[in-house]
Amino acid sequence: MIEQLIINYLRKRLPEERISAEVPEGMPERFITVEKTGSQQLGRGLYASTLAVQSWEMSKLKAAKLSDTVCSILREAPEYVSDVTRATGSDYDFTDTTVKRYRYQAVFTFTHY
């Protein structure tokens, strides 16, 4: 699963961060979530998957800085993740007003086997 590949990759590059597929219990001050939002088969064994990677923090500026770091690392994924051949994406403010928490969301498309 591409989600697990990207979670593992982010954990290696950001060992001090809490990274998972779901919002952690108790909602810590700072964490990152990874969720697949769609995919398509491009050819035999080749896929394009879109992932939403959310960077949660206690202030908008801190969330933006964390997201910027995450985006830089995700753009380098093809160099470090053997099944990924291409990674493109961008991020934007995605503050969660229901729980009053700041977050940025990066939406990346990964071409992978």
PDB file of N, CA and C in Angstrom:
ATOM      1  N   MET A   1       0.830  -1.185   0.000  1.00  0.00           N
ATOM      2  CA  MET A   1       0.000   0.000   0.000  1.00  0.00           C
ATOM      3  C   MET A   1       0.873   1.248   0.000  1.00  0.00           C
ATOM      4  N   ILE A   2       0.552   2.170  -0.882  1.00  0.00           N
ATOM      5  CA  ILE A   2       1.346   3.387  -1.007  1.00  0.00           C
ATOM      6  C   ILE A   2       1.307   4.211   0.281  1.00  0.00           C
ATOM      7  N   GLU A   3       0.173   4.198   0.987  1.00  0.00           N
ATOM      8  CA  GLU A   3       0.097   4.968   2.233  1.00  0.00           C
ATOM      9  C   GLU A   3       1.160   4.510   3.221  1.00  0.00           C
ATOM     10  N   GLN A   4       1.292   3.204   3.377  1.00  0.00           N
ATOM     11  CA  GLN A   4       2.270   2.680   4.330  1.00  0.00           C
ATOM     12  C   GLN A   4       3.695   2.971   3.876  1.00  0.00           C
ATOM     13  N   LEU A   5       3.951   2.895   2.562  1.00  0.00           N
ATOM     14  CA  LEU A   5       5.283   3.243   2.045  1.00  0.00           C
ATOM     15  C   LEU A   5       5.635   4.688   2.399  1.00  0.00           C
ATOM     16  N   ILE A   6       4.691   5.599   2.207  1.00  0.00           N
ATOM     17  CA  ILE A   6       4.949   7.016   2.472  1.00  0.00           C
ATOM     18  C   ILE A   6       5.046   7.278   3.974  1.00  0.00           C
ATOM     19  N   ILE A   7       4.210   6.637   4.774  1.00  0.00           N
ATOM     20  CA  ILE A   7       4.317   6.784   6.235  1.00  0.00           C
ATOM     21  C   ILE A   7       5.691   6.317   6.707  1.00  0.00           C
ATOM     22  N   ASN A   8       6.130   5.158   6.247  1.00  0.00           N
ATOM     23  CA  ASN A   8       7.448   4.642   6.642  1.00  0.00           C
ATOM     24  C   ASN A   8       8.566   5.578   6.197  1.00  0.00           C
ATOM     25  N   TYR A   9       8.464   6.090   4.976  1.00  0.00           N
ATOM     26  CA  TYR A   9       9.461   7.025   4.453  1.00  0.00           C
ATOM     27  C   TYR A   9       9.513   8.292   5.313  1.00  0.00           C
ATOM     28  N   LEU A  10       8.346   8.872   5.617  1.00  0.00           N
ATOM     29  CA  LEU A  10       8.316  10.077   6.450  1.00  0.00           C
ATOM     30  C   LEU A  10       8.872   9.807   7.844  1.00  0.00           C
ATOM     31  N   ARG A  11       8.564   8.645   8.393  1.00  0.00           N
ATOM     32  CA  ARG A  11       9.091   8.303   9.726  1.00  0.00           C
ATOM     33  C   ARG A  11      10.610   8.211   9.724  1.00  0.00           C
ATOM     34  N   LYS A  12      11.186   7.701   8.647  1.00  0.00           N
ATOM     35  CA  LYS A  12      12.653   7.632   8.551  1.00  0.00           C
ATOM     36  C   LYS A  12      13.257   9.021   8.429  1.00  0.00           C
ATOM     37  N   ARG A  13      12.618   9.889   7.655  1.00  0.00           N
ATOM     38  CA  ARG A  13      13.153  11.232   7.431  1.00  0.00           C
ATOM     39  C   ARG A  13      12.844  12.192   8.585  1.00  0.00           C
ATOM     40  N   LEU A  14      11.764  11.925   9.321  1.00  0.00           N
ATOM     41  CA  LEU A  14      11.352  12.779  10.439  1.00  0.00           C
ATOM     42  C   LEU A  14      11.133  11.920  11.684  1.00  0.00           C
ATOM     43  N   PRO A  15      12.199  11.330  12.220  1.00  0.00           N
ATOM     44  CA  PRO A  15      12.038  10.374  13.326  1.00  0.00           C
ATOM     45  C   PRO A  15      11.435  10.972  14.598  1.00  0.00           C
ATOM     46  N   GLU A  16      11.527  12.272  14.774  1.00  0.00           N
ATOM     47  CA  GLU A  16      11.000  12.902  15.986  1.00  0.00           C
ATOM     48  C   GLU A  16       9.497  13.198  15.890  1.00  0.00           C
ATOM     49  N   GLU A  17       8.915  13.029  14.701  1.00  0.00           N
ATOM     50  CA  GLU A  17       7.500  13.353  14.505  1.00  0.00           C
ATOM     51  C   GLU A  17       6.599  12.137  14.693  1.00  0.00           C
ATOM     52  N   ARG A  18       5.375  12.400  15.099  1.00  0.00           N
ATOM     53  CA  ARG A  18       4.352  11.360  15.223  1.00  0.00           C
ATOM     54  C   ARG A  18       3.589  11.332  13.898  1.00  0.00           C
ATOM     55  N   ILE A  19       3.690  10.220  13.162  1.00  0.00           N
ATOM     56  CA  ILE A  19       3.115  10.109  11.816  1.00  0.00           C
ATOM     57  C   ILE A  19       2.271   8.844  11.752  1.00  0.00           C
ATOM     58  N   SER A  20       1.020   8.982  11.291  1.00  0.00           N
ATOM     59  CA  SER A  20       0.136   7.822  11.208  1.00  0.00           C
ATOM     60  C   SER A  20      -0.941   8.047  10.151  1.00  0.00           C
ATOM     61  N   ALA A  21      -1.763   7.021   9.945  1.00  0.00           N
ATOM     62  CA  ALA A  21      -2.864   7.108   8.988  1.00  0.00           C
ATOM     63  C   ALA A  21      -4.116   7.725   9.615  1.00  0.00           C
ATOM     64  N   GLU A  22      -4.130   7.856  10.926  1.00  0.00           N
ATOM     65  CA  GLU A  22      -5.296   8.390  11.631  1.00  0.00           C
ATOM     66  C   GLU A  22      -4.870   9.443  12.649  1.00  0.00           C
ATOM     67  N   VAL A  23      -5.813  10.292  13.012  1.00  0.00           N
ATOM     68  CA  VAL A  23      -5.555  11.267  14.074  1.00  0.00           C
ATOM     69  C   VAL A  23      -5.356  10.488  15.370  1.00  0.00           C
ATOM     70  N   PRO A  24      -4.226  10.691  16.053  1.00  0.00           N
ATOM     71  CA  PRO A  24      -3.941   9.930  17.276  1.00  0.00           C
ATOM     72  C   PRO A  24      -4.918  10.252  18.415  1.00  0.00           C
ATOM     73  N   GLU A  25      -5.132   9.261  19.277  1.00  0.00           N
ATOM     74  CA  GLU A  25      -5.946   9.461  20.486  1.00  0.00           C
ATOM     75  C   GLU A  25      -5.372  10.616  21.295  1.00  0.00           C
ATOM     76  N   GLY A  26      -6.232  11.437  21.825  1.00  0.00           N
ATOM     77  CA  GLY A  26      -5.784  12.538  22.656  1.00  0.00           C
ATOM     78  C   GLY A  26      -5.261  13.726  21.876  1.00  0.00           C
ATOM     79  N   MET A  27      -5.156  13.616  20.575  1.00  0.00           N
ATOM     80  CA  MET A  27      -4.721  14.679  19.681  1.00  0.00           C
ATOM     81  C   MET A  27      -3.536  15.471  20.243  1.00  0.00           C
ATOM     82  N   PRO A  28      -2.310  14.949  20.079  1.00  0.00           N
ATOM     83  CA  PRO A  28      -1.132  15.667  20.581  1.00  0.00           C
ATOM     84  C   PRO A  28      -0.975  17.042  19.925  1.00  0.00           C
ATOM     85  N   GLU A  29      -0.084  17.852  20.468  1.00  0.00           N
ATOM     86  CA  GLU A  29       0.104  19.208  19.944  1.00  0.00           C
ATOM     87  C   GLU A  29       0.572  19.216  18.498  1.00  0.00           C
ATOM     88  N   ARG A  30       1.398  18.240  18.128  1.00  0.00           N
ATOM     89  CA  ARG A  30       2.018  18.239  16.798  1.00  0.00           C
ATOM     90  C   ARG A  30       2.010  16.812  16.262  1.00  0.00           C
ATOM     91  N   PHE A  31       1.495  16.634  15.040  1.00  0.00           N
ATOM     92  CA  PHE A  31       1.508  15.319  14.413  1.00  0.00           C
ATOM     93  C   PHE A  31       1.207  15.451  12.927  1.00  0.00           C
ATOM     94  N   ILE A  32       1.391  14.352  12.201  1.00  0.00           N
ATOM     95  CA  ILE A  32       1.188  14.303  10.750  1.00  0.00           C
ATOM     96  C   ILE A  32       0.315  13.094  10.438  1.00  0.00           C
ATOM     97  N   THR A  33      -0.689  13.289   9.558  1.00  0.00           N
ATOM     98  CA  THR A  33      -1.508  12.169   9.107  1.00  0.00           C
ATOM     99  C   THR A  33      -1.376  12.009   7.594  1.00  0.00           C
ATOM    100  N   VAL A  34      -1.501  10.758   7.139  1.00  0.00           N
ATOM    101  CA  VAL A  34      -1.401  10.426   5.714  1.00  0.00           C
ATOM    102  C   VAL A  34      -2.645   9.633   5.333  1.00  0.00           C
ATOM    103  N   GLU A  35      -3.332  10.074   4.276  1.00  0.00           N
ATOM    104  CA  GLU A  35      -4.565   9.419   3.849  1.00  0.00           C
ATOM    105  C   GLU A  35      -4.622   9.357   2.321  1.00  0.00           C
ATOM    106  N   LYS A  36      -4.931   8.196   1.778  1.00  0.00           N
ATOM    107  CA  LYS A  36      -5.104   8.072   0.326  1.00  0.00           C
ATOM    108  C   LYS A  36      -6.495   8.568  -0.034  1.00  0.00           C
ATOM    109  N   THR A  37      -6.565   9.475  -1.014  1.00  0.00           N
ATOM    110  CA  THR A  37      -7.853  10.028  -1.431  1.00  0.00           C
ATOM    111  C   THR A  37      -8.312   9.494  -2.775  1.00  0.00           C
ATOM    112  N   GLY A  38      -7.435   8.803  -3.492  1.00  0.00           N
ATOM    113  CA  GLY A  38      -7.817   8.234  -4.779  1.00  0.00           C
ATOM    114  C   GLY A  38      -6.631   7.618  -5.485  1.00  0.00           C
ATOM    115  N   SER A  39      -6.936   6.813  -6.495  1.00  0.00           N
ATOM    116  CA  SER A  39      -5.868   6.210  -7.301  1.00  0.00           C
ATOM    117  C   SER A  39      -6.437   5.750  -8.632  1.00  0.00           C
ATOM    118  N   GLN A  40      -5.538   5.540  -9.574  1.00  0.00           N
ATOM    119  CA  GLN A  40      -5.925   4.978 -10.865  1.00  0.00           C
ATOM    120  C   GLN A  40      -4.788   4.140 -11.401  1.00  0.00           C
ATOM    121  N   GLN A  41      -5.145   3.145 -12.181  1.00  0.00           N
ATOM    122  CA  GLN A  41      -4.136   2.300 -12.805  1.00  0.00           C
ATOM    123  C   GLN A  41      -3.735   2.947 -14.120  1.00  0.00           C
ATOM    124  N   LEU A  42      -2.430   3.151 -14.302  1.00  0.00           N
ATOM    125  CA  LEU A  42      -1.912   3.786 -15.512  1.00  0.00           C
ATOM    126  C   LEU A  42      -1.495   2.768 -16.561  1.00  0.00           C
ATOM    127  N   GLY A  43      -1.193   1.596 -16.127  1.00  0.00           N
ATOM    128  CA  GLY A  43      -0.729   0.526 -17.005  1.00  0.00           C
ATOM    129  C   GLY A  43      -0.535  -0.712 -16.163  1.00  0.00           C
ATOM    130  N   ARG A  44      -0.002  -1.716 -16.768  1.00  0.00           N
ATOM    131  CA  ARG A  44       0.181  -2.972 -16.044  1.00  0.00           C
ATOM    132  C   ARG A  44       1.118  -2.766 -14.849  1.00  0.00           C
ATOM    133  N   GLY A  45       0.551  -2.785 -13.655  1.00  0.00           N
ATOM    134  CA  GLY A  45       1.338  -2.647 -12.437  1.00  0.00           C
ATOM    135  C   GLY A  45       1.775  -1.236 -12.103  1.00  0.00           C
ATOM    136  N   LEU A  46       1.363  -0.232 -12.883  1.00  0.00           N
ATOM    137  CA  LEU A  46       1.753   1.159 -12.642  1.00  0.00           C
ATOM    138  C   LEU A  46       0.517   1.955 -12.220  1.00  0.00           C
ATOM    139  N   TYR A  47       0.648   2.715 -11.129  1.00  0.00           N
ATOM    140  CA  TYR A  47      -0.489   3.436 -10.566  1.00  0.00           C
ATOM    141  C   TYR A  47      -0.134   4.894 -10.297  1.00  0.00           C
ATOM    142  N   ALA A  48      -1.163   5.725 -10.236  1.00  0.00           N
ATOM    143  CA  ALA A  48      -1.047   7.100  -9.748  1.00  0.00           C
ATOM    144  C   ALA A  48      -1.984   7.206  -8.558  1.00  0.00           C
ATOM    145  N   SER A  49      -1.440   7.476  -7.395  1.00  0.00           N
ATOM    146  CA  SER A  49      -2.242   7.584  -6.172  1.00  0.00           C
ATOM    147  C   SER A  49      -2.107   8.983  -5.597  1.00  0.00           C
ATOM    148  N   THR A  50      -3.226   9.529  -5.166  1.00  0.00           N
ATOM    149  CA  THR A  50      -3.243  10.844  -4.543  1.00  0.00           C
ATOM    150  C   THR A  50      -3.374  10.671  -3.036  1.00  0.00           C
ATOM    151  N   LEU A  51      -2.460  11.313  -2.317  1.00  0.00           N
ATOM    152  CA  LEU A  51      -2.455  11.250  -0.858  1.00  0.00           C
ATOM    153  C   LEU A  51      -2.597  12.650  -0.278  1.00  0.00           C
ATOM    154  N   ALA A  52      -3.382  12.763   0.783  1.00  0.00           N
ATOM    155  CA  ALA A  52      -3.491  14.002   1.550  1.00  0.00           C
ATOM    156  C   ALA A  52      -2.638  13.825   2.800  1.00  0.00           C
ATOM    157  N   VAL A  53      -1.675  14.714   2.971  1.00  0.00           N
ATOM    158  CA  VAL A  53      -0.776  14.647   4.123  1.00  0.00           C
ATOM    159  C   VAL A  53      -1.010  15.912   4.946  1.00  0.00           C
ATOM    160  N   GLN A  54      -1.550  15.727   6.138  1.00  0.00           N
ATOM    161  CA  GLN A  54      -1.913  16.862   6.975  1.00  0.00           C
ATOM    162  C   GLN A  54      -0.898  17.061   8.096  1.00  0.00           C
ATOM    163  N   SER A  55      -0.458  18.305   8.232  1.00  0.00           N
ATOM    164  CA  SER A  55       0.487  18.700   9.280  1.00  0.00           C
ATOM    165  C   SER A  55      -0.276  19.512  10.319  1.00  0.00           C
ATOM    166  N   TRP A  56      -0.390  18.974  11.519  1.00  0.00           N
ATOM    167  CA  TRP A  56      -1.160  19.582  12.607  1.00  0.00           C
ATOM    168  C   TRP A  56      -0.208  20.246  13.603  1.00  0.00           C
ATOM    169  N   GLU A  57      -0.594  21.438  14.077  1.00  0.00           N
ATOM    170  CA  GLU A  57       0.233  22.170  15.044  1.00  0.00           C
ATOM    171  C   GLU A  57      -0.648  23.090  15.879  1.00  0.00           C
ATOM    172  N   MET A  58      -0.040  23.773  16.847  1.00  0.00           N
ATOM    173  CA  MET A  58      -0.770  24.655  17.758  1.00  0.00           C
ATOM    174  C   MET A  58      -0.910  26.084  17.231  1.00  0.00           C
ATOM    175  N   SER A  59      -0.164  26.432  16.177  1.00  0.00           N
ATOM    176  CA  SER A  59      -0.322  27.746  15.552  1.00  0.00           C
ATOM    177  C   SER A  59      -0.279  27.572  14.038  1.00  0.00           C
ATOM    178  N   LYS A  60      -0.859  28.537  13.342  1.00  0.00           N
ATOM    179  CA  LYS A  60      -0.886  28.470  11.882  1.00  0.00           C
ATOM    180  C   LYS A  60       0.529  28.514  11.311  1.00  0.00           C
ATOM    181  N   LEU A  61       1.389  29.357  11.876  1.00  0.00           N
ATOM    182  CA  LEU A  61       2.764  29.463  11.391  1.00  0.00           C
ATOM    183  C   LEU A  61       3.522  28.151  11.577  1.00  0.00           C
ATOM    184  N   LYS A  62       3.371  27.527  12.735  1.00  0.00           N
ATOM    185  CA  LYS A  62       4.050  26.252  12.980  1.00  0.00           C
ATOM    186  C   LYS A  62       3.528  25.167  12.047  1.00  0.00           C
ATOM    187  N   ALA A  63       2.224  25.153  11.797  1.00  0.00           N
ATOM    188  CA  ALA A  63       1.651  24.173  10.867  1.00  0.00           C
ATOM    189  C   ALA A  63       2.186  24.399   9.459  1.00  0.00           C
ATOM    190  N   ALA A  64       2.307  25.658   9.052  1.00  0.00           N
ATOM    191  CA  ALA A  64       2.835  25.982   7.722  1.00  0.00           C
ATOM    192  C   ALA A  64       4.292  25.545   7.592  1.00  0.00           C
ATOM    193  N   LYS A  65       5.089  25.782   8.624  1.00  0.00           N
ATOM    194  CA  LYS A  65       6.501  25.380   8.590  1.00  0.00           C
ATOM    195  C   LYS A  65       6.644  23.863   8.546  1.00  0.00           C
ATOM    196  N   LEU A  66       5.845  23.154   9.330  1.00  0.00           N
ATOM    197  CA  LEU A  66       5.894  21.692   9.310  1.00  0.00           C
ATOM    198  C   LEU A  66       5.486  21.172   7.938  1.00  0.00           C
ATOM    199  N   SER A  67       4.449  21.747   7.356  1.00  0.00           N
ATOM    200  CA  SER A  67       3.997  21.327   6.029  1.00  0.00           C
ATOM    201  C   SER A  67       5.061  21.589   4.969  1.00  0.00           C
ATOM    202  N   ASP A  68       5.747  22.716   5.085  1.00  0.00           N
ATOM    203  CA  ASP A  68       6.816  23.030   4.138  1.00  0.00           C
ATOM    204  C   ASP A  68       7.921  21.974   4.201  1.00  0.00           C
ATOM    205  N   THR A  69       8.279  21.563   5.401  1.00  0.00           N
ATOM    206  CA  THR A  69       9.278  20.504   5.577  1.00  0.00           C
ATOM    207  C   THR A  69       8.786  19.196   4.973  1.00  0.00           C
ATOM    208  N   VAL A  70       7.534  18.847   5.261  1.00  0.00           N
ATOM    209  CA  VAL A  70       6.946  17.612   4.734  1.00  0.00           C
ATOM    210  C   VAL A  70       6.937  17.636   3.204  1.00  0.00           C
ATOM    211  N   CYS A  71       6.535  18.757   2.610  1.00  0.00           N
ATOM    212  CA  CYS A  71       6.489  18.859   1.142  1.00  0.00           C
ATOM    213  C   CYS A  71       7.872  18.674   0.526  1.00  0.00           C
ATOM    214  N   SER A  72       8.878  19.272   1.118  1.00  0.00           N
ATOM    215  CA  SER A  72      10.247  19.112   0.608  1.00  0.00           C
ATOM    216  C   SER A  72      10.663  17.647   0.628  1.00  0.00           C
ATOM    217  N   ILE A  73      10.321  16.958   1.694  1.00  0.00           N
ATOM    218  CA  ILE A  73      10.675  15.544   1.822  1.00  0.00           C
ATOM    219  C   ILE A  73       9.883  14.695   0.830  1.00  0.00           C
ATOM    220  N   LEU A  74       8.595  14.992   0.658  1.00  0.00           N
ATOM    221  CA  LEU A  74       7.770  14.211  -0.273  1.00  0.00           C
ATOM    222  C   LEU A  74       8.246  14.363  -1.716  1.00  0.00           C
ATOM    223  N   ARG A  75       8.714  15.556  -2.078  1.00  0.00           N
ATOM    224  CA  ARG A  75       9.217  15.758  -3.444  1.00  0.00           C
ATOM    225  C   ARG A  75      10.451  14.894  -3.724  1.00  0.00           C
ATOM    226  N   GLU A  76      11.168  14.514  -2.673  1.00  0.00           N
ATOM    227  CA  GLU A  76      12.360  13.673  -2.822  1.00  0.00           C
ATOM    228  C   GLU A  76      12.048  12.184  -2.770  1.00  0.00           C
ATOM    229  N   ALA A  77      10.792  11.816  -2.591  1.00  0.00           N
ATOM    230  CA  ALA A  77      10.416  10.401  -2.435  1.00  0.00           C
ATOM    231  C   ALA A  77      10.941   9.496  -3.552  1.00  0.00           C
ATOM    232  N   PRO A  78      10.887   9.900  -4.829  1.00  0.00           N
ATOM    233  CA  PRO A  78      11.390   8.990  -5.870  1.00  0.00           C
ATOM    234  C   PRO A  78      12.858   8.601  -5.699  1.00  0.00           C
ATOM    235  N   GLU A  79      13.645   9.435  -5.018  1.00  0.00           N
ATOM    236  CA  GLU A  79      15.057   9.119  -4.792  1.00  0.00           C
ATOM    237  C   GLU A  79      15.247   8.093  -3.680  1.00  0.00           C
ATOM    238  N   TYR A  80      14.272   7.971  -2.771  1.00  0.00           N
ATOM    239  CA  TYR A  80      14.436   7.142  -1.576  1.00  0.00           C
ATOM    240  C   TYR A  80      13.475   5.958  -1.468  1.00  0.00           C
ATOM    241  N   VAL A  81      12.345   6.016  -2.159  1.00  0.00           N
ATOM    242  CA  VAL A  81      11.343   4.946  -2.083  1.00  0.00           C
ATOM    243  C   VAL A  81      11.359   4.208  -3.414  1.00  0.00           C
ATOM    244  N   SER A  82      11.802   2.962  -3.395  1.00  0.00           N
ATOM    245  CA  SER A  82      12.071   2.240  -4.642  1.00  0.00           C
ATOM    246  C   SER A  82      10.855   2.092  -5.548  1.00  0.00           C
ATOM    247  N   ASP A  83       9.655   1.981  -5.019  1.00  0.00           N
ATOM    248  CA  ASP A  83       8.472   1.783  -5.857  1.00  0.00           C
ATOM    249  C   ASP A  83       7.892   3.079  -6.412  1.00  0.00           C
ATOM    250  N   VAL A  84       8.383   4.232  -5.963  1.00  0.00           N
ATOM    251  CA  VAL A  84       7.854   5.525  -6.403  1.00  0.00           C
ATOM    252  C   VAL A  84       8.740   6.088  -7.509  1.00  0.00           C
ATOM    253  N   THR A  85       8.110   6.453  -8.637  1.00  0.00           N
ATOM    254  CA  THR A  85       8.874   7.000  -9.760  1.00  0.00           C
ATOM    255  C   THR A  85       8.699   8.506  -9.920  1.00  0.00           C
ATOM    256  N   ARG A  86       7.620   9.067  -9.333  1.00  0.00           N
ATOM    257  CA  ARG A  86       7.360  10.496  -9.479  1.00  0.00           C
ATOM    258  C   ARG A  86       6.488  10.971  -8.326  1.00  0.00           C
ATOM    259  N   ALA A  87       6.729  12.213  -7.857  1.00  0.00           N
ATOM    260  CA  ALA A  87       5.917  12.802  -6.790  1.00  0.00           C
ATOM    261  C   ALA A  87       5.717  14.282  -7.084  1.00  0.00           C
ATOM    262  N   THR A  88       4.459  14.710  -7.196  1.00  0.00           N
ATOM    263  CA  THR A  88       4.151  16.119  -7.420  1.00  0.00           C
ATOM    264  C   THR A  88       3.038  16.536  -6.468  1.00  0.00           C
ATOM    265  N   GLY A  89       3.091  17.785  -6.024  1.00  0.00           N
ATOM    266  CA  GLY A  89       2.032  18.232  -5.134  1.00  0.00           C
ATOM    267  C   GLY A  89       2.206  19.649  -4.651  1.00  0.00           C
ATOM    268  N   SER A  90       1.255  20.073  -3.833  1.00  0.00           N
ATOM    269  CA  SER A  90       1.278  21.406  -3.239  1.00  0.00           C
ATOM    270  C   SER A  90       0.538  21.353  -1.905  1.00  0.00           C
ATOM    271  N   ASP A  91       0.640  22.453  -1.140  1.00  0.00           N
ATOM    272  CA  ASP A  91      -0.042  22.486   0.152  1.00  0.00           C
ATOM    273  C   ASP A  91      -0.823  23.776   0.319  1.00  0.00           C
ATOM    274  N   TYR A  92      -1.713  23.781   1.308  1.00  0.00           N
ATOM    275  CA  TYR A  92      -2.553  24.941   1.577  1.00  0.00           C
ATOM    276  C   TYR A  92      -3.075  24.862   3.011  1.00  0.00           C
ATOM    277  N   ASP A  93      -3.526  26.013   3.519  1.00  0.00           N
ATOM    278  CA  ASP A  93      -4.105  26.089   4.861  1.00  0.00           C
ATOM    279  C   ASP A  93      -5.392  25.264   4.892  1.00  0.00           C
ATOM    280  N   PHE A  94      -5.518  24.406   5.891  1.00  0.00           N
ATOM    281  CA  PHE A  94      -6.677  23.516   6.016  1.00  0.00           C
ATOM    282  C   PHE A  94      -7.071  23.426   7.487  1.00  0.00           C
ATOM    283  N   THR A  95      -7.115  24.593   8.150  1.00  0.00           N
ATOM    284  CA  THR A  95      -7.412  24.652   9.577  1.00  0.00           C
ATOM    285  C   THR A  95      -8.745  23.972   9.870  1.00  0.00           C
ATOM    286  N   ASP A  96      -8.752  23.156  10.906  1.00  0.00           N
ATOM    287  CA  ASP A  96      -9.953  22.425  11.319  1.00  0.00           C
ATOM    288  C   ASP A  96     -10.714  23.281  12.325  1.00  0.00           C
ATOM    289  N   THR A  97     -11.748  23.961  11.864  1.00  0.00           N
ATOM    290  CA  THR A  97     -12.495  24.868  12.736  1.00  0.00           C
ATOM    291  C   THR A  97     -13.390  24.125  13.726  1.00  0.00           C
ATOM    292  N   THR A  98     -13.718  22.865  13.452  1.00  0.00           N
ATOM    293  CA  THR A  98     -14.581  22.116  14.375  1.00  0.00           C
ATOM    294  C   THR A  98     -13.865  21.787  15.677  1.00  0.00           C
ATOM    295  N   VAL A  99     -12.561  21.519  15.598  1.00  0.00           N
ATOM    296  CA  VAL A  99     -11.790  21.228  16.814  1.00  0.00           C
ATOM    297  C   VAL A  99     -10.806  22.351  17.138  1.00  0.00           C
ATOM    298  N   LYS A 100     -10.879  23.419  16.349  1.00  0.00           N
ATOM    299  CA  LYS A 100     -10.030  24.600  16.554  1.00  0.00           C
ATOM    300  C   LYS A 100      -8.551  24.241  16.620  1.00  0.00           C
ATOM    301  N   ARG A 101      -8.108  23.517  15.585  1.00  0.00           N
ATOM    302  CA  ARG A 101      -6.694  23.126  15.476  1.00  0.00           C
ATOM    303  C   ARG A 101      -6.176  23.562  14.119  1.00  0.00           C
ATOM    304  N   TYR A 102      -4.942  24.064  14.120  1.00  0.00           N
ATOM    305  CA  TYR A 102      -4.318  24.506  12.879  1.00  0.00           C
ATOM    306  C   TYR A 102      -3.709  23.322  12.154  1.00  0.00           C
ATOM    307  N   ARG A 103      -3.894  23.301  10.856  1.00  0.00           N
ATOM    308  CA  ARG A 103      -3.277  22.263  10.038  1.00  0.00           C
ATOM    309  C   ARG A 103      -3.121  22.787   8.620  1.00  0.00           C
ATOM    310  N   TYR A 104      -2.134  22.254   7.963  1.00  0.00           N
ATOM    311  CA  TYR A 104      -1.944  22.471   6.540  1.00  0.00           C
ATOM    312  C   TYR A 104      -2.087  21.118   5.875  1.00  0.00           C
ATOM    313  N   GLN A 105      -2.613  21.124   4.652  1.00  0.00           N
ATOM    314  CA  GLN A 105      -2.766  19.873   3.921  1.00  0.00           C
ATOM    315  C   GLN A 105      -1.949  19.937   2.640  1.00  0.00           C
ATOM    316  N   ALA A 106      -1.118  18.935   2.463  1.00  0.00           N
ATOM    317  CA  ALA A 106      -0.368  18.764   1.215  1.00  0.00           C
ATOM    318  C   ALA A 106      -1.055  17.654   0.434  1.00  0.00           C
ATOM    319  N   VAL A 107      -1.339  17.912  -0.825  1.00  0.00           N
ATOM    320  CA  VAL A 107      -1.951  16.902  -1.687  1.00  0.00           C
ATOM    321  C   VAL A 107      -0.911  16.537  -2.738  1.00  0.00           C
ATOM    322  N   PHE A 108      -0.471  15.277  -2.692  1.00  0.00           N
ATOM    323  CA  PHE A 108       0.572  14.795  -3.592  1.00  0.00           C
ATOM    324  C   PHE A 108       0.061  13.620  -4.409  1.00  0.00           C
ATOM    325  N   THR A 109       0.461  13.596  -5.667  1.00  0.00           N
ATOM    326  CA  THR A 109       0.205  12.436  -6.519  1.00  0.00           C
ATOM    327  C   THR A 109       1.519  11.708  -6.707  1.00  0.00           C
ATOM    328  N   PHE A 110       1.503  10.420  -6.388  1.00  0.00           N
ATOM    329  CA  PHE A 110       2.678   9.565  -6.518  1.00  0.00           C
ATOM    330  C   PHE A 110       2.445   8.571  -7.646  1.00  0.00           C
ATOM    331  N   THR A 111       3.378   8.518  -8.573  1.00  0.00           N
ATOM    332  CA  THR A 111       3.359   7.467  -9.585  1.00  0.00           C
ATOM    333  C   THR A 111       4.211   6.346  -9.022  1.00  0.00           C
ATOM    334  N   HIS A 112       3.648   5.132  -9.000  1.00  0.00           N
ATOM    335  CA  HIS A 112       4.343   4.038  -8.312  1.00  0.00           C
ATOM    336  C   HIS A 112       3.951   2.681  -8.878  1.00  0.00           C
ATOM    337  N   TYR A 113       4.777   1.708  -8.534  1.00  0.00           N
ATOM    338  CA  TYR A 113       4.510   0.308  -8.908  1.00  0.00           C
ATOM    339  C   TYR A 113       3.870  -0.414  -7.759  1.00  0.00           C
TER     340      TYR A 113
END
